Amino acid sequence: MQLPKAISKKRLSFSEKLFNFFVTMTGLTIFNWEFFKQVFIPPYDIYEIRKHMVELGVKTLPIVSVTGFIIGLVLALQSQPVFEHLGASDYLPGIVAVSVVRELAPVITALIFAGRVSSGIGAELGSMRVTEQIDAMEVSAVNPFKFLVVTRVIATTLILPLLTVYVIFLALTGTYLAVILAQNMSFQYYQTAVIDAVKFGDLLPGILKTFVFGYIVGIVGAYKGFTAEGGTEGVGKASTTAVVLSSLLILLFDTILVKLSLLLWPT
């Protein structure tokens, strides 16, 4: 698969940076097309997909666990004085829960996932590219794209929604702790307030868009690693740019998906 080459210099002019940006977007589009051509072609390496899901998911659990709990705790603690000043303290659990479910948990989990996983995929595949392991696979009549890229992208697409559900649970737990510290609210009242506030139209869009975010993390990391060049320096560059590009695309697509979700599931 031939992909366009970017200009490689230490100092680039604005026009050259702009050219490199369009080259990257063009290469990523071709890479996406290649993925969709091969993802439906058997055989399906279920073992590799499951292995990557376990590896990527388990290694990301500690950081998302801490982050998820702190999201709910800090958001509730910061909001509580404002709600109390407005005389709307009873609405605090529901509003924080809706914010977490619809936006904060999916996006923050995706960004953390991008920092942890996209860079790892970029570094791993980049190392295989510069040490010619991928070329050796092609010579051995093994499809490296199918084995290395497709399995990882499917794994990231499937594991991120599960992590997001886990983060939502921890964030709501942190919110409850904050409410207990600030208002001494009973768990039954908190549970009722959250259930009344969070509707199906809040939960479904928040979970569905994480499939898109997971795909972005996987495909960008794989693209940067698969096209790495320039030895160890190229591997480091692939790892760094994978995080930056995947994070930017997550934020961009989040803007689009939020608007789309409001049209499909109006509040």
Protein backbone atom coordinates (compact mmCIF):
# COMPACT_ATOMS: atom_id res chain seq x y z
CA MET A 1 0.00 0.00 0.00
CA GLN A 2 1.60 3.25 -1.17
CA LEU A 3 0.98 6.35 0.96
CA PRO A 4 2.03 9.95 0.23
CA LYS A 5 5.26 11.15 1.83
CA ALA A 6 5.55 14.26 3.99
CA ILE A 7 8.45 16.70 3.79
CA SER A 8 11.05 15.73 6.38
CA LYS A 9 13.11 18.68 7.63
CA LYS A 10 14.05 20.04 11.01
CA ARG A 11 12.74 23.50 10.18
CA LEU A 12 9.70 23.85 7.99
CA SER A 13 8.04 26.93 6.57
CA PHE A 14 4.30 27.49 7.03
CA SER A 15 3.54 26.29 3.50
CA GLU A 16 5.54 23.10 4.09
CA LYS A 17 3.73 22.47 7.40
CA LEU A 18 0.41 22.98 5.63
CA PHE A 19 1.52 20.60 2.89
CA ASN A 20 2.50 17.99 5.49
CA PHE A 21 -0.91 18.36 7.16
CA PHE A 22 -2.76 17.62 3.92
CA VAL A 23 -0.37 14.76 3.17
CA THR A 24 -1.14 13.27 6.60
CA MET A 25 -4.89 13.64 6.10
CA THR A 26 -4.66 12.10 2.63
CA GLY A 27 -2.55 9.19 3.89
CA LEU A 28 -4.91 8.64 6.82
CA THR A 29 -7.90 8.59 4.46
CA ILE A 30 -6.21 5.98 2.25
CA PHE A 31 -5.31 4.01 5.37
CA ASN A 32 -8.95 4.09 6.50
CA TRP A 33 -10.10 2.86 3.10
CA GLU A 34 -7.62 -0.01 3.26
CA PHE A 35 -8.91 -0.94 6.71
CA PHE A 36 -12.53 -1.13 5.56
CA LYS A 37 -11.48 -3.20 2.55
CA GLN A 38 -9.72 -5.79 4.71
CA VAL A 39 -11.79 -5.86 7.91
CA PHE A 40 -14.60 -7.91 6.31
CA ILE A 41 -12.29 -10.38 4.55
CA PRO A 42 -11.83 -13.69 6.43
CA PRO A 43 -10.07 -15.18 8.29
CA TYR A 44 -10.87 -13.26 11.45
CA ASP A 45 -8.16 -13.48 14.08
CA ILE A 46 -10.40 -13.50 17.15
CA TYR A 47 -7.56 -14.56 19.44
CA GLU A 48 -5.44 -11.51 18.52
CA ILE A 49 -8.40 -9.16 18.91
CA ARG A 50 -9.22 -10.58 22.34
CA LYS A 51 -5.56 -10.42 23.38
CA HIS A 52 -5.30 -6.75 22.41
CA MET A 53 -8.59 -5.93 24.15
CA VAL A 54 -7.38 -7.48 27.39
CA GLU A 55 -3.93 -5.92 27.16
CA LEU A 56 -5.10 -2.43 26.23
CA GLY A 57 -8.04 -2.46 28.62
CA VAL A 58 -6.24 -3.83 31.69
CA LYS A 59 -3.25 -1.53 31.31
CA THR A 60 -5.52 1.52 31.02
CA LEU A 61 -7.70 0.65 34.03
CA PRO A 62 -5.55 2.26 36.77
CA ILE A 63 -5.37 5.71 35.18
CA VAL A 64 -9.03 5.81 34.10
CA SER A 65 -10.12 4.56 37.52
CA VAL A 66 -8.45 7.46 39.31
CA THR A 67 -9.59 9.94 36.67
CA GLY A 68 -13.19 8.75 36.67
CA PHE A 69 -13.56 9.02 40.44
CA ILE A 70 -11.95 12.47 40.54
CA ILE A 71 -14.14 13.77 37.68
CA GLY A 72 -17.32 13.25 39.68
CA LEU A 73 -15.82 14.28 43.02
CA VAL A 74 -14.26 17.55 41.84
CA LEU A 75 -17.17 18.54 39.58
CA ALA A 76 -19.66 18.11 42.42
CA LEU A 77 -17.45 19.91 44.96
CA GLN A 78 -16.87 22.84 42.60
CA SER A 79 -20.54 23.10 41.66
CA GLN A 80 -22.00 22.72 45.14
CA PRO A 81 -21.39 26.34 46.34
CA VAL A 82 -22.96 27.73 43.17
CA PHE A 83 -26.04 25.52 43.45
CA GLU A 84 -26.34 26.34 47.15
CA HIS A 85 -26.15 30.07 46.40
CA LEU A 86 -28.94 29.69 43.86
CA GLY A 87 -31.03 27.59 46.24
CA ALA A 88 -30.90 24.60 43.89
CA SER A 89 -28.81 22.13 45.89
CA ASP A 90 -31.33 19.34 45.28
CA TYR A 91 -30.60 19.52 41.54
CA LEU A 92 -26.83 19.03 41.96
CA PRO A 93 -26.70 15.17 41.66
CA GLY A 94 -28.86 15.08 38.54
CA ILE A 95 -27.07 17.86 36.68
CA VAL A 96 -23.61 16.48 37.48
CA ALA A 97 -24.75 12.99 36.43
CA VAL A 98 -26.05 14.27 33.08
CA SER A 99 -22.80 16.19 32.46
CA VAL A 100 -20.72 13.10 33.24
CA VAL A 101 -22.80 10.69 31.16
CA ARG A 102 -23.28 12.87 28.10
CA GLU A 103 -19.88 14.51 27.74
CA LEU A 104 -17.22 14.40 30.44
CA ALA A 105 -16.78 10.65 30.89
CA PRO A 106 -16.74 9.76 27.15
CA VAL A 107 -14.39 12.56 26.08
CA ILE A 108 -11.95 12.49 29.00
CA THR A 109 -11.75 8.69 28.90
CA ALA A 110 -11.10 8.84 25.14
CA LEU A 111 -8.33 11.43 25.57
CA ILE A 112 -6.63 9.40 28.30
CA PHE A 113 -7.05 6.28 26.17
CA ALA A 114 -5.46 8.11 23.24
CA GLY A 115 -2.49 9.16 25.34
CA ARG A 116 -1.95 5.65 26.67
CA VAL A 117 -2.89 3.46 23.70
CA SER A 118 -2.40 5.46 20.51
CA SER A 119 1.19 6.27 21.44
CA GLY A 120 1.80 2.63 22.37
CA ILE A 121 0.47 1.33 19.06
CA GLY A 122 2.45 3.96 17.16
CA ALA A 123 5.67 3.06 18.98
CA GLU A 124 5.13 -0.70 18.65
CA LEU A 125 4.33 -0.70 14.94
CA GLY A 126 6.93 2.00 14.31
CA SER A 127 9.61 -0.19 15.85
CA MET A 128 8.50 -3.09 13.69
CA ARG A 129 8.62 -0.87 10.59
CA VAL A 130 12.11 0.58 11.13
CA THR A 131 13.55 -2.83 12.05
CA GLU A 132 12.01 -4.25 8.84
CA GLN A 133 9.86 -6.80 10.68
CA ILE A 134 6.81 -5.68 8.68
CA ASP A 135 8.75 -6.10 5.44
CA ALA A 136 9.75 -9.60 6.57
CA MET A 137 6.09 -10.46 7.16
CA GLU A 138 5.21 -9.35 3.63
CA VAL A 139 8.03 -11.49 2.20
CA SER A 140 6.73 -14.47 4.22
CA ALA A 141 3.30 -14.14 2.55
CA VAL A 142 1.70 -12.85 5.77
CA ASN A 143 -0.64 -9.87 5.46
CA PRO A 144 0.85 -7.43 8.01
CA PHE A 145 -2.01 -4.97 7.64
CA LYS A 146 -4.59 -7.60 8.50
CA PHE A 147 -2.58 -9.05 11.39
CA LEU A 148 -1.14 -5.86 12.91
CA VAL A 149 -3.60 -3.08 12.06
CA VAL A 150 -7.07 -4.60 11.74
CA THR A 151 -6.87 -6.55 15.00
CA ARG A 152 -5.69 -3.53 16.99
CA VAL A 153 -8.26 -1.14 15.55
CA ILE A 154 -11.13 -3.55 16.25
CA ALA A 155 -9.82 -4.03 19.80
CA THR A 156 -9.65 -0.29 20.54
CA THR A 157 -13.10 0.26 19.00
CA LEU A 158 -14.67 -2.36 21.26
CA ILE A 159 -12.79 -1.76 24.52
CA LEU A 160 -13.26 2.02 24.85
CA PRO A 161 -17.07 1.88 25.35
CA LEU A 162 -16.56 -0.66 28.16
CA LEU A 163 -14.00 1.60 29.81
CA THR A 164 -16.38 4.53 29.47
CA VAL A 165 -19.20 2.70 31.26
CA TYR A 166 -16.73 1.86 34.04
CA VAL A 167 -15.63 5.51 34.29
CA ILE A 168 -19.26 6.70 34.44
CA PHE A 169 -19.89 4.39 37.40
CA LEU A 170 -16.78 5.65 39.22
CA ALA A 171 -17.61 9.29 38.46
CA LEU A 172 -21.12 8.88 39.90
CA THR A 173 -19.54 7.25 42.96
CA GLY A 174 -17.23 10.24 43.36
CA THR A 175 -20.20 12.57 42.97
CA TYR A 176 -22.05 10.77 45.75
CA LEU A 177 -19.05 11.11 48.05
CA ALA A 178 -18.91 14.85 47.35
CA VAL A 179 -22.64 15.22 48.02
CA ILE A 180 -22.28 13.32 51.29
CA LEU A 181 -19.45 15.63 52.38
CA ALA A 182 -21.30 18.80 51.39
CA GLN A 183 -24.97 18.06 52.08
CA ASN A 184 -25.21 14.78 54.01
CA MET A 185 -27.68 13.53 51.39
CA SER A 186 -29.02 9.98 51.72
CA PHE A 187 -28.05 7.40 49.13
CA GLN A 188 -31.70 6.70 48.30
CA TYR A 189 -32.37 10.36 47.52
CA TYR A 190 -29.15 10.59 45.47
CA GLN A 191 -30.05 7.46 43.51
CA THR A 192 -33.54 8.75 42.79
CA ALA A 193 -32.23 12.14 41.67
CA VAL A 194 -29.72 10.56 39.27
CA ILE A 195 -32.22 8.10 37.81
CA ASP A 196 -34.79 10.87 37.28
CA ALA A 197 -32.22 13.12 35.59
CA VAL A 198 -30.37 10.67 33.31
CA LYS A 199 -32.57 9.57 30.42
CA PHE A 200 -32.01 7.04 27.66
CA GLY A 201 -31.25 9.94 25.31
CA ASP A 202 -28.38 10.94 27.59
CA LEU A 203 -26.76 7.53 28.06
CA LEU A 204 -27.01 6.16 24.51
CA PRO A 205 -25.24 9.02 22.64
CA GLY A 206 -22.49 9.15 25.25
CA ILE A 207 -21.73 5.44 24.83
CA LEU A 208 -22.19 5.25 21.05
CA LYS A 209 -19.71 8.00 20.26
CA THR A 210 -16.99 6.18 22.18
CA PHE A 211 -17.02 3.54 19.43
CA VAL A 212 -15.96 6.34 17.06
CA PHE A 213 -13.35 7.60 19.51
CA GLY A 214 -11.95 4.08 19.97
CA TYR A 215 -11.70 3.66 16.22
CA ILE A 216 -9.87 6.99 15.92
CA VAL A 217 -7.36 6.01 18.60
CA GLY A 218 -6.62 2.69 16.92
CA ILE A 219 -6.48 3.84 13.30
CA VAL A 220 -4.32 6.92 13.99
CA GLY A 221 -1.85 5.00 16.15
CA ALA A 222 -1.63 2.22 13.57
CA TYR A 223 -1.22 4.68 10.68
CA LYS A 224 1.58 6.60 12.36
CA GLY A 225 3.40 3.41 13.36
CA PHE A 226 2.85 1.65 10.03
CA THR A 227 4.30 4.60 8.08
CA ALA A 228 7.16 5.44 10.48
CA GLU A 229 10.60 5.98 9.02
CA GLY A 230 13.97 7.33 10.12
CA GLY A 231 15.08 4.85 12.76
CA THR A 232 14.51 5.39 16.48
CA GLU A 233 13.87 9.09 15.94
CA GLY A 234 11.03 8.19 13.59
CA VAL A 235 9.54 5.83 16.17
CA GLY A 236 9.47 8.59 18.79
CA LYS A 237 7.92 11.00 16.31
CA ALA A 238 5.28 8.46 15.33
CA SER A 239 4.37 7.91 18.98
CA THR A 240 4.10 11.62 19.75
CA THR A 241 2.18 12.65 16.65
CA ALA A 242 -0.22 9.73 17.10
CA VAL A 243 -1.33 11.15 20.47
CA VAL A 244 -1.64 14.71 19.15
CA LEU A 245 -3.54 13.79 16.00
CA SER A 246 -5.89 11.30 17.68
CA SER A 247 -6.70 13.82 20.45
CA LEU A 248 -7.48 16.55 17.92
CA LEU A 249 -9.68 14.22 15.88
CA ILE A 250 -11.53 13.08 19.03
CA LEU A 251 -12.37 16.70 19.91
CA LEU A 252 -13.36 17.48 16.32
CA PHE A 253 -15.61 14.46 15.95
CA ASP A 254 -17.07 15.07 19.41
CA THR A 255 -18.31 18.46 18.22
CA ILE A 256 -19.97 16.85 15.21
CA LEU A 257 -21.43 13.94 17.18
CA VAL A 258 -22.84 16.21 19.91
CA LYS A 259 -24.78 18.15 17.29
CA LEU A 260 -25.94 14.93 15.66
CA SER A 261 -27.03 13.43 18.98
CA LEU A 262 -29.05 16.54 19.82
CA LEU A 263 -30.90 16.16 16.52
CA LEU A 264 -31.58 12.45 17.06
CA TRP A 265 -32.22 12.54 20.82
CA PRO A 266 -33.40 16.06 21.71
CA THR A 267 -33.41 16.91 25.42
